[in-house]
Amino acid sequence: MTKLESDRLAKLLQLHAAEPLDGFVLYALAQECQKLGRFEEAVDWYDRTIAADPASCYAYFHKAKSLESCGRKAEVAAVLRAGLARARALKDNKAANEIESYLDDCE
């Protein structure tokens, strides 16, 4: 991990300590962990994002990507189906289309 990556992660963790239920910070932590190849940690942060901000449809999409990257392929479709249902319920057509496309690729 580079110093810049380490600094970014440290800053995000500080923000999380100040606002532990902030969906944006949780999502940013998940994205940072995913970018660093820390996929299991990313999955955990995506779960926290979804719990704190159920409208975060892309958390499902990226959680599925992280699951796939850490070899947990059996869980991918279920996560995508849940994300697709959430996106449709929220009428987030862009997210629904992207999640559905990913789901189609998996099945």
PDB file of N, CA and C in Angstrom:
ATOM      1  N   MET A   1       0.850  -1.169   0.000  1.00  0.00           N
ATOM      2  CA  MET A   1       0.000   0.000   0.000  1.00  0.00           C
ATOM      3  C   MET A   1       0.898   1.236   0.000  1.00  0.00           C
ATOM      4  N   THR A   2       0.597   2.169  -0.893  1.00  0.00           N
ATOM      5  CA  THR A   2       1.384   3.396  -0.960  1.00  0.00           C
ATOM      6  C   THR A   2       1.012   4.328   0.179  1.00  0.00           C
ATOM      7  N   LYS A   3       1.839   5.321   0.392  1.00  0.00           N
ATOM      8  CA  LYS A   3       1.552   6.307   1.443  1.00  0.00           C
ATOM      9  C   LYS A   3       0.249   7.038   1.164  1.00  0.00           C
ATOM     10  N   LEU A   4       0.011   7.380  -0.092  1.00  0.00           N
ATOM     11  CA  LEU A   4      -1.226   8.063  -0.457  1.00  0.00           C
ATOM     12  C   LEU A   4      -2.440   7.195  -0.144  1.00  0.00           C
ATOM     13  N   GLU A   5      -2.363   5.919  -0.491  1.00  0.00           N
ATOM     14  CA  GLU A   5      -3.462   4.998  -0.191  1.00  0.00           C
ATOM     15  C   GLU A   5      -3.657   4.857   1.310  1.00  0.00           C
ATOM     16  N   SER A   6      -2.555   4.756   2.030  1.00  0.00           N
ATOM     17  CA  SER A   6      -2.611   4.647   3.484  1.00  0.00           C
ATOM     18  C   SER A   6      -3.224   5.906   4.100  1.00  0.00           C
ATOM     19  N   ASP A   7      -2.824   7.068   3.591  1.00  0.00           N
ATOM     20  CA  ASP A   7      -3.372   8.333   4.088  1.00  0.00           C
ATOM     21  C   ASP A   7      -4.865   8.443   3.822  1.00  0.00           C
ATOM     22  N   ARG A   8      -5.280   8.043   2.613  1.00  0.00           N
ATOM     23  CA  ARG A   8      -6.709   8.089   2.260  1.00  0.00           C
ATOM     24  C   ARG A   8      -7.517   7.196   3.188  1.00  0.00           C
ATOM     25  N   LEU A   9      -7.030   5.982   3.400  1.00  0.00           N
ATOM     26  CA  LEU A   9      -7.737   5.043   4.265  1.00  0.00           C
ATOM     27  C   LEU A   9      -7.792   5.578   5.698  1.00  0.00           C
ATOM     28  N   ALA A  10      -6.692   6.137   6.176  1.00  0.00           N
ATOM     29  CA  ALA A  10      -6.659   6.698   7.531  1.00  0.00           C
ATOM     30  C   ALA A  10      -7.657   7.844   7.674  1.00  0.00           C
ATOM     31  N   LYS A  11      -7.736   8.710   6.674  1.00  0.00           N
ATOM     32  CA  LYS A  11      -8.685   9.830   6.724  1.00  0.00           C
ATOM     33  C   LYS A  11     -10.122   9.332   6.717  1.00  0.00           C
ATOM     34  N   LEU A  12     -10.392   8.333   5.902  1.00  0.00           N
ATOM     35  CA  LEU A  12     -11.739   7.766   5.867  1.00  0.00           C
ATOM     36  C   LEU A  12     -12.106   7.119   7.208  1.00  0.00           C
ATOM     37  N   LEU A  13     -11.154   6.449   7.818  1.00  0.00           N
ATOM     38  CA  LEU A  13     -11.404   5.837   9.123  1.00  0.00           C
ATOM     39  C   LEU A  13     -11.649   6.900  10.193  1.00  0.00           C
ATOM     40  N   GLN A  14     -10.970   8.029  10.087  1.00  0.00           N
ATOM     41  CA  GLN A  14     -11.225   9.139  11.016  1.00  0.00           C
ATOM     42  C   GLN A  14     -12.642   9.682  10.832  1.00  0.00           C
ATOM     43  N   LEU A  15     -13.043   9.849   9.577  1.00  0.00           N
ATOM     44  CA  LEU A  15     -14.400  10.311   9.296  1.00  0.00           C
ATOM     45  C   LEU A  15     -15.428   9.313   9.830  1.00  0.00           C
ATOM     46  N   HIS A  16     -15.128   8.035   9.663  1.00  0.00           N
ATOM     47  CA  HIS A  16     -16.027   6.993  10.158  1.00  0.00           C
ATOM     48  C   HIS A  16     -16.138   7.044  11.677  1.00  0.00           C
ATOM     49  N   ALA A  17     -15.033   7.276  12.351  1.00  0.00           N
ATOM     50  CA  ALA A  17     -15.060   7.364  13.814  1.00  0.00           C
ATOM     51  C   ALA A  17     -15.956   8.522  14.273  1.00  0.00           C
ATOM     52  N   ALA A  18     -15.945   9.613  13.519  1.00  0.00           N
ATOM     53  CA  ALA A  18     -16.760  10.774  13.862  1.00  0.00           C
ATOM     54  C   ALA A  18     -18.234  10.575  13.503  1.00  0.00           C
ATOM     55  N   GLU A  19     -18.489   9.863  12.416  1.00  0.00           N
ATOM     56  CA  GLU A  19     -19.857   9.636  11.920  1.00  0.00           C
ATOM     57  C   GLU A  19     -20.020   8.167  11.508  1.00  0.00           C
ATOM     58  N   PRO A  20     -20.161   7.267  12.477  1.00  0.00           N
ATOM     59  CA  PRO A  20     -20.142   5.836  12.155  1.00  0.00           C
ATOM     60  C   PRO A  20     -21.300   5.335  11.283  1.00  0.00           C
ATOM     61  N   LEU A  21     -22.369   6.091  11.181  1.00  0.00           N
ATOM     62  CA  LEU A  21     -23.504   5.646  10.370  1.00  0.00           C
ATOM     63  C   LEU A  21     -23.672   6.448   9.083  1.00  0.00           C
ATOM     64  N   ASP A  22     -22.656   7.204   8.723  1.00  0.00           N
ATOM     65  CA  ASP A  22     -22.710   7.999   7.500  1.00  0.00           C
ATOM     66  C   ASP A  22     -22.534   7.079   6.297  1.00  0.00           C
ATOM     67  N   GLY A  23     -23.596   6.915   5.523  1.00  0.00           N
ATOM     68  CA  GLY A  23     -23.568   6.008   4.381  1.00  0.00           C
ATOM     69  C   GLY A  23     -22.510   6.356   3.357  1.00  0.00           C
ATOM     70  N   PHE A  24     -22.277   7.653   3.153  1.00  0.00           N
ATOM     71  CA  PHE A  24     -21.266   8.074   2.181  1.00  0.00           C
ATOM     72  C   PHE A  24     -19.873   7.629   2.628  1.00  0.00           C
ATOM     73  N   VAL A  25     -19.562   7.805   3.907  1.00  0.00           N
ATOM     74  CA  VAL A  25     -18.251   7.413   4.432  1.00  0.00           C
ATOM     75  C   VAL A  25     -18.097   5.891   4.388  1.00  0.00           C
ATOM     76  N   LEU A  26     -19.145   5.182   4.763  1.00  0.00           N
ATOM     77  CA  LEU A  26     -19.091   3.720   4.719  1.00  0.00           C
ATOM     78  C   LEU A  26     -18.841   3.223   3.298  1.00  0.00           C
ATOM     79  N   TYR A  27     -19.539   3.831   2.338  1.00  0.00           N
ATOM     80  CA  TYR A  27     -19.360   3.455   0.938  1.00  0.00           C
ATOM     81  C   TYR A  27     -17.945   3.788   0.465  1.00  0.00           C
ATOM     82  N   ALA A  28     -17.450   4.947   0.868  1.00  0.00           N
ATOM     83  CA  ALA A  28     -16.086   5.341   0.486  1.00  0.00           C
ATOM     84  C   ALA A  28     -15.057   4.362   1.060  1.00  0.00           C
ATOM     85  N   LEU A  29     -15.258   3.913   2.284  1.00  0.00           N
ATOM     86  CA  LEU A  29     -14.359   2.918   2.880  1.00  0.00           C
ATOM     87  C   LEU A  29     -14.420   1.599   2.105  1.00  0.00           C
ATOM     88  N   ALA A  30     -15.608   1.196   1.733  1.00  0.00           N
ATOM     89  CA  ALA A  30     -15.757  -0.029   0.951  1.00  0.00           C
ATOM     90  C   ALA A  30     -15.036   0.093  -0.384  1.00  0.00           C
ATOM     91  N   GLN A  31     -15.228   1.219  -1.056  1.00  0.00           N
ATOM     92  CA  GLN A  31     -14.586   1.441  -2.349  1.00  0.00           C
ATOM     93  C   GLN A  31     -13.063   1.441  -2.214  1.00  0.00           C
ATOM     94  N   GLU A  32     -12.568   2.087  -1.171  1.00  0.00           N
ATOM     95  CA  GLU A  32     -11.120   2.150  -0.959  1.00  0.00           C
ATOM     96  C   GLU A  32     -10.558   0.752  -0.702  1.00  0.00           C
ATOM     97  N   CYS A  33     -11.230  -0.028   0.132  1.00  0.00           N
ATOM     98  CA  CYS A  33     -10.766  -1.394   0.393  1.00  0.00           C
ATOM     99  C   CYS A  33     -10.798  -2.233  -0.881  1.00  0.00           C
ATOM    100  N   GLN A  34     -11.850  -2.061  -1.670  1.00  0.00           N
ATOM    101  CA  GLN A  34     -11.941  -2.804  -2.927  1.00  0.00           C
ATOM    102  C   GLN A  34     -10.784  -2.419  -3.849  1.00  0.00           C
ATOM    103  N   LYS A  35     -10.508  -1.130  -3.930  1.00  0.00           N
ATOM    104  CA  LYS A  35      -9.424  -0.658  -4.791  1.00  0.00           C
ATOM    105  C   LYS A  35      -8.069  -1.208  -4.332  1.00  0.00           C
ATOM    106  N   LEU A  36      -7.926  -1.394  -3.027  1.00  0.00           N
ATOM    107  CA  LEU A  36      -6.675  -1.916  -2.475  1.00  0.00           C
ATOM    108  C   LEU A  36      -6.589  -3.441  -2.549  1.00  0.00           C
ATOM    109  N   GLY A  37      -7.639  -4.073  -3.080  1.00  0.00           N
ATOM    110  CA  GLY A  37      -7.633  -5.531  -3.175  1.00  0.00           C
ATOM    111  C   GLY A  37      -7.982  -6.217  -1.874  1.00  0.00           C
ATOM    112  N   ARG A  38      -8.538  -5.483  -0.940  1.00  0.00           N
ATOM    113  CA  ARG A  38      -8.946  -6.029   0.359  1.00  0.00           C
ATOM    114  C   ARG A  38     -10.439  -6.358   0.278  1.00  0.00           C
ATOM    115  N   PHE A  39     -10.743  -7.384  -0.485  1.00  0.00           N
ATOM    116  CA  PHE A  39     -12.119  -7.665  -0.876  1.00  0.00           C
ATOM    117  C   PHE A  39     -13.013  -8.100   0.278  1.00  0.00           C
ATOM    118  N   GLU A  40     -12.500  -8.912   1.188  1.00  0.00           N
ATOM    119  CA  GLU A  40     -13.319  -9.332   2.340  1.00  0.00           C
ATOM    120  C   GLU A  40     -13.700  -8.125   3.189  1.00  0.00           C
ATOM    121  N   GLU A  41     -12.751  -7.222   3.412  1.00  0.00           N
ATOM    122  CA  GLU A  41     -13.049  -5.998   4.153  1.00  0.00           C
ATOM    123  C   GLU A  41     -14.056  -5.147   3.396  1.00  0.00           C
ATOM    124  N   ALA A  42     -13.898  -5.081   2.090  1.00  0.00           N
ATOM    125  CA  ALA A  42     -14.830  -4.306   1.267  1.00  0.00           C
ATOM    126  C   ALA A  42     -16.244  -4.851   1.427  1.00  0.00           C
ATOM    127  N   VAL A  43     -16.397  -6.168   1.402  1.00  0.00           N
ATOM    128  CA  VAL A  43     -17.724  -6.775   1.571  1.00  0.00           C
ATOM    129  C   VAL A  43     -18.340  -6.323   2.890  1.00  0.00           C
ATOM    130  N   ASP A  44     -17.555  -6.334   3.944  1.00  0.00           N
ATOM    131  CA  ASP A  44     -18.042  -5.899   5.256  1.00  0.00           C
ATOM    132  C   ASP A  44     -18.487  -4.435   5.213  1.00  0.00           C
ATOM    133  N   TRP A  45     -17.686  -3.578   4.613  1.00  0.00           N
ATOM    134  CA  TRP A  45     -18.045  -2.159   4.521  1.00  0.00           C
ATOM    135  C   TRP A  45     -19.270  -1.959   3.642  1.00  0.00           C
ATOM    136  N   TYR A  46     -19.428  -2.746   2.570  1.00  0.00           N
ATOM    137  CA  TYR A  46     -20.636  -2.643   1.749  1.00  0.00           C
ATOM    138  C   TYR A  46     -21.860  -3.075   2.557  1.00  0.00           C
ATOM    139  N   ASP A  47     -21.721  -4.120   3.368  1.00  0.00           N
ATOM    140  CA  ASP A  47     -22.830  -4.535   4.229  1.00  0.00           C
ATOM    141  C   ASP A  47     -23.231  -3.411   5.176  1.00  0.00           C
ATOM    142  N   ARG A  48     -22.242  -2.768   5.744  1.00  0.00           N
ATOM    143  CA  ARG A  48     -22.525  -1.645   6.648  1.00  0.00           C
ATOM    144  C   ARG A  48     -23.184  -0.490   5.903  1.00  0.00           C
ATOM    145  N   THR A  49     -22.744  -0.258   4.666  1.00  0.00           N
ATOM    146  CA  THR A  49     -23.345   0.793   3.850  1.00  0.00           C
ATOM    147  C   THR A  49     -24.815   0.503   3.609  1.00  0.00           C
ATOM    148  N   ILE A  50     -25.113  -0.718   3.215  1.00  0.00           N
ATOM    149  CA  ILE A  50     -26.490  -1.111   2.923  1.00  0.00           C
ATOM    150  C   ILE A  50     -27.363  -0.989   4.170  1.00  0.00           C
ATOM    151  N   ALA A  51     -26.827  -1.357   5.326  1.00  0.00           N
ATOM    152  CA  ALA A  51     -27.591  -1.243   6.573  1.00  0.00           C
ATOM    153  C   ALA A  51     -27.860   0.227   6.930  1.00  0.00           C
ATOM    154  N   ALA A  52     -26.873   1.083   6.727  1.00  0.00           N
ATOM    155  CA  ALA A  52     -27.005   2.496   7.095  1.00  0.00           C
ATOM    156  C   ALA A  52     -27.781   3.293   6.054  1.00  0.00           C
ATOM    157  N   ASP A  53     -27.674   2.897   4.790  1.00  0.00           N
ATOM    158  CA  ASP A  53     -28.295   3.638   3.696  1.00  0.00           C
ATOM    159  C   ASP A  53     -28.877   2.661   2.681  1.00  0.00           C
ATOM    160  N   PRO A  54     -30.092   2.157   2.959  1.00  0.00           N
ATOM    161  CA  PRO A  54     -30.690   1.166   2.068  1.00  0.00           C
ATOM    162  C   PRO A  54     -30.899   1.654   0.624  1.00  0.00           C
ATOM    163  N   ALA A  55     -30.826   2.953   0.397  1.00  0.00           N
ATOM    164  CA  ALA A  55     -30.981   3.494  -0.956  1.00  0.00           C
ATOM    165  C   ALA A  55     -29.689   3.430  -1.764  1.00  0.00           C
ATOM    166  N   SER A  56     -28.628   2.935  -1.172  1.00  0.00           N
ATOM    167  CA  SER A  56     -27.338   2.853  -1.858  1.00  0.00           C
ATOM    168  C   SER A  56     -27.286   1.617  -2.747  1.00  0.00           C
ATOM    169  N   CYS A  57     -27.942   1.704  -3.883  1.00  0.00           N
ATOM    170  CA  CYS A  57     -28.064   0.552  -4.790  1.00  0.00           C
ATOM    171  C   CYS A  57     -26.716   0.072  -5.307  1.00  0.00           C
ATOM    172  N   TYR A  58     -25.801   0.987  -5.544  1.00  0.00           N
ATOM    173  CA  TYR A  58     -24.505   0.580  -6.085  1.00  0.00           C
ATOM    174  C   TYR A  58     -23.666  -0.184  -5.070  1.00  0.00           C
ATOM    175  N   ALA A  59     -24.013  -0.085  -3.792  1.00  0.00           N
ATOM    176  CA  ALA A  59     -23.309  -0.891  -2.797  1.00  0.00           C
ATOM    177  C   ALA A  59     -23.528  -2.375  -3.074  1.00  0.00           C
ATOM    178  N   TYR A  60     -24.720  -2.720  -3.527  1.00  0.00           N
ATOM    179  CA  TYR A  60     -24.989  -4.121  -3.882  1.00  0.00           C
ATOM    180  C   TYR A  60     -24.133  -4.552  -5.071  1.00  0.00           C
ATOM    181  N   PHE A  61     -24.082  -3.701  -6.076  1.00  0.00           N
ATOM    182  CA  PHE A  61     -23.308  -3.991  -7.284  1.00  0.00           C
ATOM    183  C   PHE A  61     -21.844  -4.237  -6.935  1.00  0.00           C
ATOM    184  N   HIS A  62     -21.259  -3.312  -6.179  1.00  0.00           N
ATOM    185  CA  HIS A  62     -19.834  -3.430  -5.857  1.00  0.00           C
ATOM    186  C   HIS A  62     -19.563  -4.512  -4.820  1.00  0.00           C
ATOM    187  N   LYS A  63     -20.535  -4.761  -3.941  1.00  0.00           N
ATOM    188  CA  LYS A  63     -20.382  -5.890  -3.016  1.00  0.00           C
ATOM    189  C   LYS A  63     -20.276  -7.180  -3.824  1.00  0.00           C
ATOM    190  N   ALA A  64     -21.118  -7.318  -4.844  1.00  0.00           N
ATOM    191  CA  ALA A  64     -21.063  -8.508  -5.694  1.00  0.00           C
ATOM    192  C   ALA A  64     -19.705  -8.626  -6.381  1.00  0.00           C
ATOM    193  N   LYS A  65     -19.163  -7.510  -6.852  1.00  0.00           N
ATOM    194  CA  LYS A  65     -17.831  -7.519  -7.484  1.00  0.00           C
ATOM    195  C   LYS A  65     -16.773  -7.999  -6.486  1.00  0.00           C
ATOM    196  N   SER A  66     -16.847  -7.492  -5.255  1.00  0.00           N
ATOM    197  CA  SER A  66     -15.876  -7.906  -4.229  1.00  0.00           C
ATOM    198  C   SER A  66     -16.037  -9.377  -3.888  1.00  0.00           C
ATOM    199  N   LEU A  67     -17.283  -9.831  -3.771  1.00  0.00           N
ATOM    200  CA  LEU A  67     -17.520 -11.253  -3.500  1.00  0.00           C
ATOM    201  C   LEU A  67     -16.908 -12.115  -4.600  1.00  0.00           C
ATOM    202  N   GLU A  68     -17.118 -11.695  -5.829  1.00  0.00           N
ATOM    203  CA  GLU A  68     -16.558 -12.435  -6.958  1.00  0.00           C
ATOM    204  C   GLU A  68     -15.033 -12.441  -6.900  1.00  0.00           C
ATOM    205  N   SER A  69     -14.456 -11.313  -6.550  1.00  0.00           N
ATOM    206  CA  SER A  69     -12.992 -11.199  -6.495  1.00  0.00           C
ATOM    207  C   SER A  69     -12.366 -12.038  -5.396  1.00  0.00           C
ATOM    208  N   CYS A  70     -13.114 -12.292  -4.328  1.00  0.00           N
ATOM    209  CA  CYS A  70     -12.541 -13.118  -3.265  1.00  0.00           C
ATOM    210  C   CYS A  70     -13.033 -14.564  -3.333  1.00  0.00           C
ATOM    211  N   GLY A  71     -13.585 -14.937  -4.498  1.00  0.00           N
ATOM    212  CA  GLY A  71     -13.919 -16.330  -4.731  1.00  0.00           C
ATOM    213  C   GLY A  71     -15.239 -16.791  -4.145  1.00  0.00           C
ATOM    214  N   ARG A  72     -16.078 -15.875  -3.727  1.00  0.00           N
ATOM    215  CA  ARG A  72     -17.363 -16.234  -3.131  1.00  0.00           C
ATOM    216  C   ARG A  72     -18.481 -16.112  -4.185  1.00  0.00           C
ATOM    217  N   LYS A  73     -18.253 -16.755  -5.308  1.00  0.00           N
ATOM    218  CA  LYS A  73     -19.139 -16.628  -6.478  1.00  0.00           C
ATOM    219  C   LYS A  73     -20.561 -17.103  -6.208  1.00  0.00           C
ATOM    220  N   ALA A  74     -20.739 -18.046  -5.307  1.00  0.00           N
ATOM    221  CA  ALA A  74     -22.075 -18.571  -5.015  1.00  0.00           C
ATOM    222  C   ALA A  74     -22.991 -17.495  -4.421  1.00  0.00           C
ATOM    223  N   GLU A  75     -22.424 -16.457  -3.839  1.00  0.00           N
ATOM    224  CA  GLU A  75     -23.215 -15.410  -3.197  1.00  0.00           C
ATOM    225  C   GLU A  75     -23.547 -14.246  -4.127  1.00  0.00           C
ATOM    226  N   VAL A  76     -22.879 -14.163  -5.247  1.00  0.00           N
ATOM    227  CA  VAL A  76     -22.979 -13.007  -6.131  1.00  0.00           C
ATOM    228  C   VAL A  76     -24.398 -12.781  -6.636  1.00  0.00           C
ATOM    229  N   ALA A  77     -25.021 -13.802  -7.183  1.00  0.00           N
ATOM    230  CA  ALA A  77     -26.355 -13.636  -7.778  1.00  0.00           C
ATOM    231  C   ALA A  77     -27.385 -13.191  -6.740  1.00  0.00           C
ATOM    232  N   ALA A  78     -27.323 -13.741  -5.548  1.00  0.00           N
ATOM    233  CA  ALA A  78     -28.284 -13.361  -4.503  1.00  0.00           C
ATOM    234  C   ALA A  78     -28.141 -11.884  -4.140  1.00  0.00           C
ATOM    235  N   VAL A  79     -26.905 -11.424  -4.052  1.00  0.00           N
ATOM    236  CA  VAL A  79     -26.664 -10.010  -3.743  1.00  0.00           C
ATOM    237  C   VAL A  79     -27.185  -9.131  -4.875  1.00  0.00           C
ATOM    238  N   LEU A  80     -26.936  -9.545  -6.100  1.00  0.00           N
ATOM    239  CA  LEU A  80     -27.409  -8.766  -7.239  1.00  0.00           C
ATOM    240  C   LEU A  80     -28.933  -8.747  -7.309  1.00  0.00           C
ATOM    241  N   ARG A  81     -29.576  -9.856  -7.006  1.00  0.00           N
ATOM    242  CA  ARG A  81     -31.047  -9.875  -7.004  1.00  0.00           C
ATOM    243  C   ARG A  81     -31.597  -8.926  -5.942  1.00  0.00           C
ATOM    244  N   ALA A  82     -30.978  -8.927  -4.768  1.00  0.00           N
ATOM    245  CA  ALA A  82     -31.422  -8.009  -3.708  1.00  0.00           C
ATOM    246  C   ALA A  82     -31.216  -6.555  -4.141  1.00  0.00           C
ATOM    247  N   GLY A  83     -30.091  -6.273  -4.763  1.00  0.00           N
ATOM    248  CA  GLY A  83     -29.819  -4.922  -5.249  1.00  0.00           C
ATOM    249  C   GLY A  83     -30.766  -4.508  -6.349  1.00  0.00           C
ATOM    250  N   LEU A  84     -31.094  -5.435  -7.223  1.00  0.00           N
ATOM    251  CA  LEU A  84     -32.031  -5.151  -8.306  1.00  0.00           C
ATOM    252  C   LEU A  84     -33.413  -4.840  -7.740  1.00  0.00           C
ATOM    253  N   ALA A  85     -33.854  -5.616  -6.775  1.00  0.00           N
ATOM    254  CA  ALA A  85     -35.147  -5.355  -6.137  1.00  0.00           C
ATOM    255  C   ALA A  85     -35.156  -3.985  -5.474  1.00  0.00           C
ATOM    256  N   ARG A  86     -34.057  -3.650  -4.805  1.00  0.00           N
ATOM    257  CA  ARG A  86     -33.961  -2.344  -4.135  1.00  0.00           C
ATOM    258  C   ARG A  86     -33.982  -1.224  -5.166  1.00  0.00           C
ATOM    259  N   ALA A  87     -33.214  -1.352  -6.229  1.00  0.00           N
ATOM    260  CA  ALA A  87     -33.158  -0.311  -7.264  1.00  0.00           C
ATOM    261  C   ALA A  87     -34.527  -0.117  -7.914  1.00  0.00           C
ATOM    262  N   ARG A  88     -35.209  -1.209  -8.187  1.00  0.00           N
ATOM    263  CA  ARG A  88     -36.542  -1.101  -8.787  1.00  0.00           C
ATOM    264  C   ARG A  88     -37.524  -0.443  -7.827  1.00  0.00           C
ATOM    265  N   ALA A  89     -37.453  -0.811  -6.555  1.00  0.00           N
ATOM    266  CA  ALA A  89     -38.343  -0.208  -5.553  1.00  0.00           C
ATOM    267  C   ALA A  89     -38.116   1.295  -5.448  1.00  0.00           C
ATOM    268  N   LEU A  90     -36.870   1.709  -5.609  1.00  0.00           N
ATOM    269  CA  LEU A  90     -36.517   3.128  -5.529  1.00  0.00           C
ATOM    270  C   LEU A  90     -36.660   3.836  -6.875  1.00  0.00           C
ATOM    271  N   LYS A  91     -37.024   3.061  -7.905  1.00  0.00           N
ATOM    272  CA  LYS A  91     -37.141   3.594  -9.270  1.00  0.00           C
ATOM    273  C   LYS A  91     -35.828   4.204  -9.773  1.00  0.00           C
ATOM    274  N   ASP A  92     -34.735   3.566  -9.368  1.00  0.00           N
ATOM    275  CA  ASP A  92     -33.407   3.966  -9.831  1.00  0.00           C
ATOM    276  C   ASP A  92     -33.093   3.115 -11.061  1.00  0.00           C
ATOM    277  N   ASN A  93     -33.560   3.586 -12.207  1.00  0.00           N
ATOM    278  CA  ASN A  93     -33.447   2.797 -13.431  1.00  0.00           C
ATOM    279  C   ASN A  93     -32.010   2.574 -13.882  1.00  0.00           C
ATOM    280  N   LYS A  94     -31.164   3.560 -13.681  1.00  0.00           N
ATOM    281  CA  LYS A  94     -29.761   3.407 -14.085  1.00  0.00           C
ATOM    282  C   LYS A  94     -29.108   2.271 -13.288  1.00  0.00           C
ATOM    283  N   ALA A  95     -29.270   2.322 -11.972  1.00  0.00           N
ATOM    284  CA  ALA A  95     -28.697   1.260 -11.131  1.00  0.00           C
ATOM    285  C   ALA A  95     -29.327  -0.082 -11.461  1.00  0.00           C
ATOM    286  N   ALA A  96     -30.646  -0.105 -11.651  1.00  0.00           N
ATOM    287  CA  ALA A  96     -31.332  -1.364 -11.966  1.00  0.00           C
ATOM    288  C   ALA A  96     -30.787  -1.972 -13.260  1.00  0.00           C
ATOM    289  N   ASN A  97     -30.578  -1.136 -14.272  1.00  0.00           N
ATOM    290  CA  ASN A  97     -30.054  -1.644 -15.543  1.00  0.00           C
ATOM    291  C   ASN A  97     -28.649  -2.208 -15.397  1.00  0.00           C
ATOM    292  N   GLU A  98     -27.800  -1.516 -14.645  1.00  0.00           N
ATOM    293  CA  GLU A  98     -26.424  -1.989 -14.463  1.00  0.00           C
ATOM    294  C   GLU A  98     -26.376  -3.273 -13.646  1.00  0.00           C
ATOM    295  N   ILE A  99     -27.178  -3.319 -12.592  1.00  0.00           N
ATOM    296  CA  ILE A  99     -27.220  -4.527 -11.759  1.00  0.00           C
ATOM    297  C   ILE A  99     -27.786  -5.692 -12.561  1.00  0.00           C
ATOM    298  N   GLU A 100     -28.837  -5.444 -13.322  1.00  0.00           N
ATOM    299  CA  GLU A 100     -29.447  -6.501 -14.120  1.00  0.00           C
ATOM    300  C   GLU A 100     -28.473  -7.035 -15.185  1.00  0.00           C
ATOM    301  N   SER A 101     -27.712  -6.138 -15.788  1.00  0.00           N
ATOM    302  CA  SER A 101     -26.724  -6.553 -16.781  1.00  0.00           C
ATOM    303  C   SER A 101     -25.659  -7.448 -16.144  1.00  0.00           C
ATOM    304  N   TYR A 102     -25.196  -7.057 -14.964  1.00  0.00           N
ATOM    305  CA  TYR A 102     -24.205  -7.858 -14.252  1.00  0.00           C
ATOM    306  C   TYR A 102     -24.795  -9.217 -13.879  1.00  0.00           C
ATOM    307  N   LEU A 103     -26.043  -9.210 -13.424  1.00  0.00           N
ATOM    308  CA  LEU A 103     -26.717 -10.454 -13.067  1.00  0.00           C
ATOM    309  C   LEU A 103     -26.840 -11.370 -14.276  1.00  0.00           C
ATOM    310  N   ASP A 104     -27.202 -10.801 -15.425  1.00  0.00           N
ATOM    311  CA  ASP A 104     -27.298 -11.590 -16.659  1.00  0.00           C
ATOM    312  C   ASP A 104     -25.961 -12.229 -17.011  1.00  0.00           C
ATOM    313  N   ASP A 105     -24.880 -11.499 -16.806  1.00  0.00           N
ATOM    314  CA  ASP A 105     -23.543 -12.033 -17.082  1.00  0.00           C
ATOM    315  C   ASP A 105     -23.181 -13.180 -16.145  1.00  0.00           C
ATOM    316  N   CYS A 106     -23.735 -13.170 -14.942  1.00  0.00           N
ATOM    317  CA  CYS A 106     -23.417 -14.189 -13.933  1.00  0.00           C
ATOM    318  C   CYS A 106     -24.206 -15.478 -14.124  1.00  0.00           C
ATOM    319  N   GLU A 107     -25.356 -15.351 -14.739  1.00  0.00           N
ATOM    320  CA  GLU A 107     -26.235 -16.526 -14.849  1.00  0.00           C
ATOM    321  C   GLU A 107     -26.114 -17.220 -16.175  1.00  0.00           C
TER     322      GLU A 107
END
